[in-house]
Protein backbone atom coordinates (compact mmCIF):
# COMPACT_ATOMS: atom_id res chain seq x y z
CA MET A 1 -15.71 -57.98 14.94
CA ASP A 2 -17.99 -54.44 15.12
CA HIS A 3 -16.50 -52.68 17.99
CA TRP A 4 -17.33 -49.24 16.39
CA GLY A 5 -20.10 -48.67 19.00
CA PHE A 6 -17.74 -49.02 21.92
CA ILE A 7 -15.44 -46.40 19.87
CA LEU A 8 -18.03 -43.66 19.75
CA ALA A 9 -19.37 -44.54 23.31
CA ALA A 10 -15.89 -43.56 24.55
CA TYR A 11 -15.37 -40.12 22.22
CA GLY A 12 -18.92 -39.47 23.88
CA ILE A 13 -17.84 -40.05 26.95
CA ALA A 14 -14.43 -38.45 26.74
CA ALA A 15 -16.50 -35.59 25.07
CA LEU A 16 -18.55 -35.13 28.32
CA LEU A 17 -16.10 -35.10 30.96
CA LEU A 18 -14.04 -32.62 28.92
CA GLY A 19 -17.15 -30.49 28.31
CA GLY A 20 -17.94 -30.63 32.11
CA TYR A 21 -14.47 -29.69 33.36
CA TRP A 22 -13.91 -26.90 30.69
CA TRP A 23 -17.09 -25.50 32.03
CA ARG A 24 -16.20 -25.91 35.53
CA ALA A 25 -12.97 -24.24 34.90
CA GLU A 26 -14.25 -21.23 32.90
CA ARG A 27 -16.78 -20.70 36.19
CA ARG A 28 -13.92 -20.36 38.78
CA ILE A 29 -11.99 -17.91 36.01
CA ARG A 30 -14.69 -15.70 36.07
CA GLU A 31 -15.62 -16.18 39.57
CA ALA A 32 -11.26 -15.17 40.34
CA GLU A 33 -11.84 -12.43 38.07
CA ARG A 34 -14.97 -10.89 39.63
CA ALA A 35 -13.24 -11.03 43.31
CA LEU A 36 -10.10 -9.76 41.82
CA ARG A 37 -12.09 -6.79 40.64
CA GLU A 38 -13.90 -6.03 43.51
CA GLU A 39 -10.77 -6.01 45.59
CA ARG A 40 -9.37 -3.77 43.38
CA SER A 41 -12.25 -1.15 43.89
CA ARG A 42 -11.98 -1.29 47.59
């Protein structure tokens, strides 16, 4: 049974999902830091 294609596909999907999650988390962190800096400068 050749199941390696499914295994590689599952790893690829997991990598895309984790990469997308990480990208969104980084963007939200940057936005929060910017808002905090703007609030402190007032």
